[in-house]
N, C-alpha and C. Protein backbone atom coordinates (compact mmCIF):
# COMPACT_ATOMS: atom_id res chain seq x y z
N UNK A 1 144.93 117.98 96.45
CA UNK A 1 145.58 117.45 97.52
C UNK A 1 144.30 115.88 97.73
N UNK A 2 144.58 114.92 98.40
CA UNK A 2 143.77 113.90 98.46
C UNK A 2 142.73 113.83 99.31
N UNK A 3 141.81 113.38 98.95
CA UNK A 3 140.67 113.15 100.03
C UNK A 3 140.76 112.38 101.08
N UNK A 4 140.32 113.16 102.35
CA UNK A 4 140.53 112.22 103.59
C UNK A 4 139.07 111.50 103.77
N UNK A 5 139.24 110.12 103.90
CA UNK A 5 138.44 109.43 103.97
C UNK A 5 138.35 108.94 105.62
N UNK A 6 137.08 108.92 106.18
CA UNK A 6 136.96 108.56 107.50
C UNK A 6 135.67 108.07 107.76
N UNK A 7 135.41 107.04 108.84
CA UNK A 7 134.50 106.92 109.00
C UNK A 7 134.49 106.45 110.51
N UNK A 8 133.39 106.93 111.46
CA UNK A 8 133.33 106.90 112.84
C UNK A 8 132.92 105.36 113.29
N UNK A 9 133.42 104.28 114.07
CA UNK A 9 133.02 103.11 113.83
C UNK A 9 132.40 102.92 115.16
N UNK A 10 132.85 103.70 116.14
CA UNK A 10 132.16 103.61 117.31
C UNK A 10 132.11 105.07 118.25
N UNK A 11 130.88 105.36 118.66
CA UNK A 11 130.68 106.58 119.51
C UNK A 11 131.05 106.52 121.03
N UNK A 12 132.07 107.08 121.36
CA UNK A 12 132.43 106.49 122.82
C UNK A 12 132.03 107.63 123.81
N UNK A 13 131.90 108.97 123.81
CA UNK A 13 131.20 109.85 124.54
C UNK A 13 131.44 111.26 124.23
N UNK A 14 130.79 112.16 124.67
CA UNK A 14 130.90 113.44 124.27
C UNK A 14 131.34 114.23 125.54
N UNK A 15 132.40 115.08 125.54
CA UNK A 15 132.92 115.72 126.45
C UNK A 15 132.20 116.95 126.82
N UNK A 16 132.00 118.04 125.63
CA UNK A 16 131.46 119.07 125.73
C UNK A 16 130.68 119.41 124.63
N UNK A 17 129.98 120.30 124.75
CA UNK A 17 129.31 121.08 123.34
C UNK A 17 129.58 122.61 123.58
N UNK A 18 129.91 123.41 122.43
CA UNK A 18 130.01 124.78 122.33
C UNK A 18 128.49 125.27 121.97
N UNK A 19 128.59 126.77 121.90
CA UNK A 19 127.22 127.27 121.62
C UNK A 19 126.80 127.15 120.15
N UNK A 20 127.88 126.68 119.08
CA UNK A 20 127.31 126.41 117.63
C UNK A 20 126.69 125.01 117.64
N UNK A 21 126.75 124.30 118.59
CA UNK A 21 126.54 122.76 118.64
C UNK A 21 127.65 121.89 118.26
N UNK A 22 128.87 122.20 118.11
CA UNK A 22 129.78 121.47 117.89
C UNK A 22 130.16 120.71 119.19
N UNK A 23 130.52 119.37 119.01
CA UNK A 23 131.01 118.60 120.28
C UNK A 23 132.31 117.96 120.16
N UNK A 24 133.02 118.25 121.53
CA UNK A 24 134.09 117.43 121.64
C UNK A 24 134.11 116.17 122.00
N UNK A 25 134.25 115.16 120.91
CA UNK A 25 133.99 113.59 121.28
C UNK A 25 135.10 112.76 121.48
N UNK A 26 135.07 111.60 122.19
CA UNK A 26 135.86 110.37 122.15
C UNK A 26 135.20 109.20 121.15
N UNK A 27 135.83 108.86 120.01
CA UNK A 27 135.22 108.28 119.15
C UNK A 27 136.37 107.15 118.86
N UNK A 28 135.98 105.70 118.21
CA UNK A 28 136.81 105.27 117.36
C UNK A 28 136.61 105.58 115.88
N UNK A 29 137.72 105.71 115.15
CA UNK A 29 137.55 106.43 113.81
C UNK A 29 138.57 105.58 112.80
N UNK A 30 138.05 105.26 112.09
CA UNK A 30 138.79 104.63 110.92
C UNK A 30 139.20 105.72 109.78
N UNK A 31 140.58 105.77 109.81
CA UNK A 31 141.01 106.76 108.69
C UNK A 31 141.66 106.09 107.60
N UNK A 32 141.08 106.81 106.24
CA UNK A 32 141.64 106.11 105.06
C UNK A 32 141.49 104.67 105.01
N UNK A 33 140.35 103.93 105.42
CA UNK A 33 140.40 102.49 105.55
C UNK A 33 141.33 101.63 106.19
N UNK A 34 141.98 102.27 107.51
CA UNK A 34 142.71 101.62 108.09
C UNK A 34 141.88 101.26 109.46
N UNK A 35 142.76 100.53 110.32
CA UNK A 35 142.16 99.97 111.61
C UNK A 35 141.64 101.18 112.51
N UNK A 36 140.35 101.36 112.94
CA UNK A 36 140.09 102.34 113.85
C UNK A 36 140.86 102.29 115.03
N UNK A 37 141.20 103.64 115.35
CA UNK A 37 141.87 104.04 116.46
C UNK A 37 141.24 105.07 117.36
N UNK A 38 141.55 105.27 118.56
CA UNK A 38 140.58 106.34 119.57
C UNK A 38 141.16 107.62 119.09
N UNK A 39 139.96 108.13 119.12
CA UNK A 39 140.30 109.86 118.28
C UNK A 39 139.43 110.97 119.24
N UNK A 40 139.98 111.88 119.46
CA UNK A 40 139.78 113.12 120.30
C UNK A 40 139.39 114.33 119.54
N UNK A 41 138.69 114.42 119.44
CA UNK A 41 138.29 116.11 118.82
C UNK A 41 136.95 116.69 118.74
N UNK A 42 136.62 117.90 118.00
CA UNK A 42 135.57 118.50 117.76
C UNK A 42 134.91 118.25 116.41
N UNK A 43 133.39 117.88 116.50
CA UNK A 43 132.62 117.52 115.12
C UNK A 43 131.73 118.49 115.05
N UNK A 44 131.30 118.76 113.91
CA UNK A 44 130.12 119.82 113.44
C UNK A 44 128.86 118.38 114.15
N UNK A 45 127.52 119.38 114.30
CA UNK A 45 126.41 118.67 114.58
C UNK A 45 126.31 117.28 113.70
N UNK A 46 126.46 117.47 112.42
CA UNK A 46 125.99 116.52 111.45
C UNK A 46 127.24 115.45 111.04
N UNK A 47 128.35 115.59 111.71
CA UNK A 47 129.67 114.80 111.55
C UNK A 47 130.10 114.89 110.37
N UNK A 48 129.97 116.14 109.44
CA UNK A 48 130.44 116.21 108.15
C UNK A 48 131.78 116.96 108.31
N UNK A 49 131.89 117.72 109.18
CA UNK A 49 133.23 118.58 109.52
C UNK A 49 133.81 118.32 110.70
N UNK A 50 135.09 118.73 110.91
CA UNK A 50 135.90 118.45 112.00
C UNK A 50 136.83 119.14 112.32
N UNK A 51 137.37 119.31 113.48
CA UNK A 51 138.45 120.32 114.03
C UNK A 51 139.34 119.63 114.28
N UNK A 52 140.82 120.25 114.42
CA UNK A 52 141.98 119.20 114.70
C UNK A 52 141.69 118.47 116.09
N UNK A 53 142.44 117.57 116.16
CA UNK A 53 142.38 116.53 116.92
C UNK A 53 143.42 115.65 117.22
N UNK A 54 143.31 114.76 118.04
CA UNK A 54 144.47 113.55 118.37
C UNK A 54 143.86 112.22 118.21
N UNK A 55 144.72 111.60 117.75
CA UNK A 55 144.34 109.90 117.33
C UNK A 55 145.47 109.36 118.17
N UNK A 56 144.91 108.37 118.99
CA UNK A 56 145.81 107.54 119.82
C UNK A 56 145.65 106.02 119.40
N UNK A 57 146.68 105.31 119.69
CA UNK A 57 146.56 103.86 119.66
C UNK A 57 146.01 103.08 120.85
N UNK A 58 145.79 101.99 120.90
CA UNK A 58 145.31 101.46 122.32
C UNK A 58 146.25 101.57 123.21
N UNK A 59 147.74 101.33 123.14
CA UNK A 59 148.56 101.45 123.86
C UNK A 59 148.49 102.68 124.60
N UNK A 60 148.77 103.69 123.61
CA UNK A 60 148.64 105.23 123.98
C UNK A 60 147.41 105.43 124.81
N UNK A 61 146.19 105.03 124.85
CA UNK A 61 145.37 105.37 125.66
C UNK A 61 145.46 104.83 126.90
N UNK A 62 145.94 103.52 127.05
CA UNK A 62 146.24 102.76 128.22
C UNK A 62 147.37 103.80 129.15
N UNK A 63 148.37 104.19 128.35
CA UNK A 63 149.13 105.05 129.19
C UNK A 63 148.69 106.43 129.56
N UNK A 64 147.85 106.97 128.72
CA UNK A 64 147.02 108.16 129.17
C UNK A 64 146.25 107.85 130.37
N UNK A 65 145.56 106.84 130.37
CA UNK A 65 144.79 106.27 131.24
C UNK A 65 145.44 106.37 132.66
N UNK A 66 146.53 105.63 132.68
CA UNK A 66 147.30 105.48 133.77
C UNK A 66 148.16 106.84 134.10
N UNK A 67 148.13 107.79 133.48
CA UNK A 67 148.42 109.08 133.87
C UNK A 67 147.44 109.83 134.61
N UNK A 68 146.45 109.69 133.89
CA UNK A 68 145.29 110.47 134.53
C UNK A 68 144.84 109.89 135.70
N UNK A 69 144.88 108.73 136.09
CA UNK A 69 144.81 107.94 137.18
C UNK A 69 145.63 108.33 138.50
N UNK A 70 146.77 108.91 137.73
CA UNK A 70 147.98 109.11 138.82
C UNK A 70 148.83 108.22 138.91
N UNK A 71 148.79 106.96 138.13
CA UNK A 71 149.73 105.64 138.66
C UNK A 71 151.30 106.21 138.03
N UNK A 72 151.44 107.03 137.12
CA UNK A 72 152.83 107.12 136.61
C UNK A 72 153.31 108.61 136.93
N UNK A 73 152.47 109.60 137.60
CA UNK A 73 153.08 110.84 137.72
C UNK A 73 153.13 111.37 139.23
N UNK A 74 152.83 110.71 140.13
CA UNK A 74 153.09 111.14 141.44
C UNK A 74 153.99 111.44 141.70
N UNK A 75 155.32 110.68 141.53
CA UNK A 75 156.56 111.07 141.62
C UNK A 75 157.30 112.08 140.68
N UNK A 76 156.52 112.50 139.51
CA UNK A 76 157.18 113.31 138.60
C UNK A 76 156.92 114.39 138.55
N UNK A 77 155.78 115.04 139.37
CA UNK A 77 155.28 116.24 139.21
C UNK A 77 155.77 117.12 140.69
N UNK A 78 156.22 118.23 140.53
CA UNK A 78 156.62 119.32 141.60
C UNK A 78 155.35 120.14 141.93
N UNK A 79 154.63 119.42 142.80
CA UNK A 79 153.40 119.95 143.38
C UNK A 79 153.55 121.49 143.79
N UNK A 80 154.72 121.81 144.00
CA UNK A 80 154.81 123.34 144.27
C UNK A 80 154.56 124.24 143.47
N UNK A 81 154.53 123.78 142.18
CA UNK A 81 154.45 124.70 141.05
C UNK A 81 152.86 124.97 140.75
N UNK A 82 151.99 124.12 141.52
CA UNK A 82 150.79 124.42 141.48
C UNK A 82 150.07 125.55 142.03
N UNK A 83 149.21 126.24 141.72
CA UNK A 83 148.59 127.64 142.21
C UNK A 83 147.37 127.05 143.23
């Protein structure tokens, strides 16, 4: 299996930390020398190990931001399903 190369080019923020010190972070990460993308995943305290995550382009982050701000989902969600 080919070696995975990554570089955290910018640390944007930590969302949470578990009891073992791993943190769920939003960073800009360059994978295999490609252009950095937004990356959300868990990292070991020394950033040498990582968990599964999601990598998003700038366009995908903008859409996610709109969804989280309620701009695109107000009419699409049936609120009667919420407890």
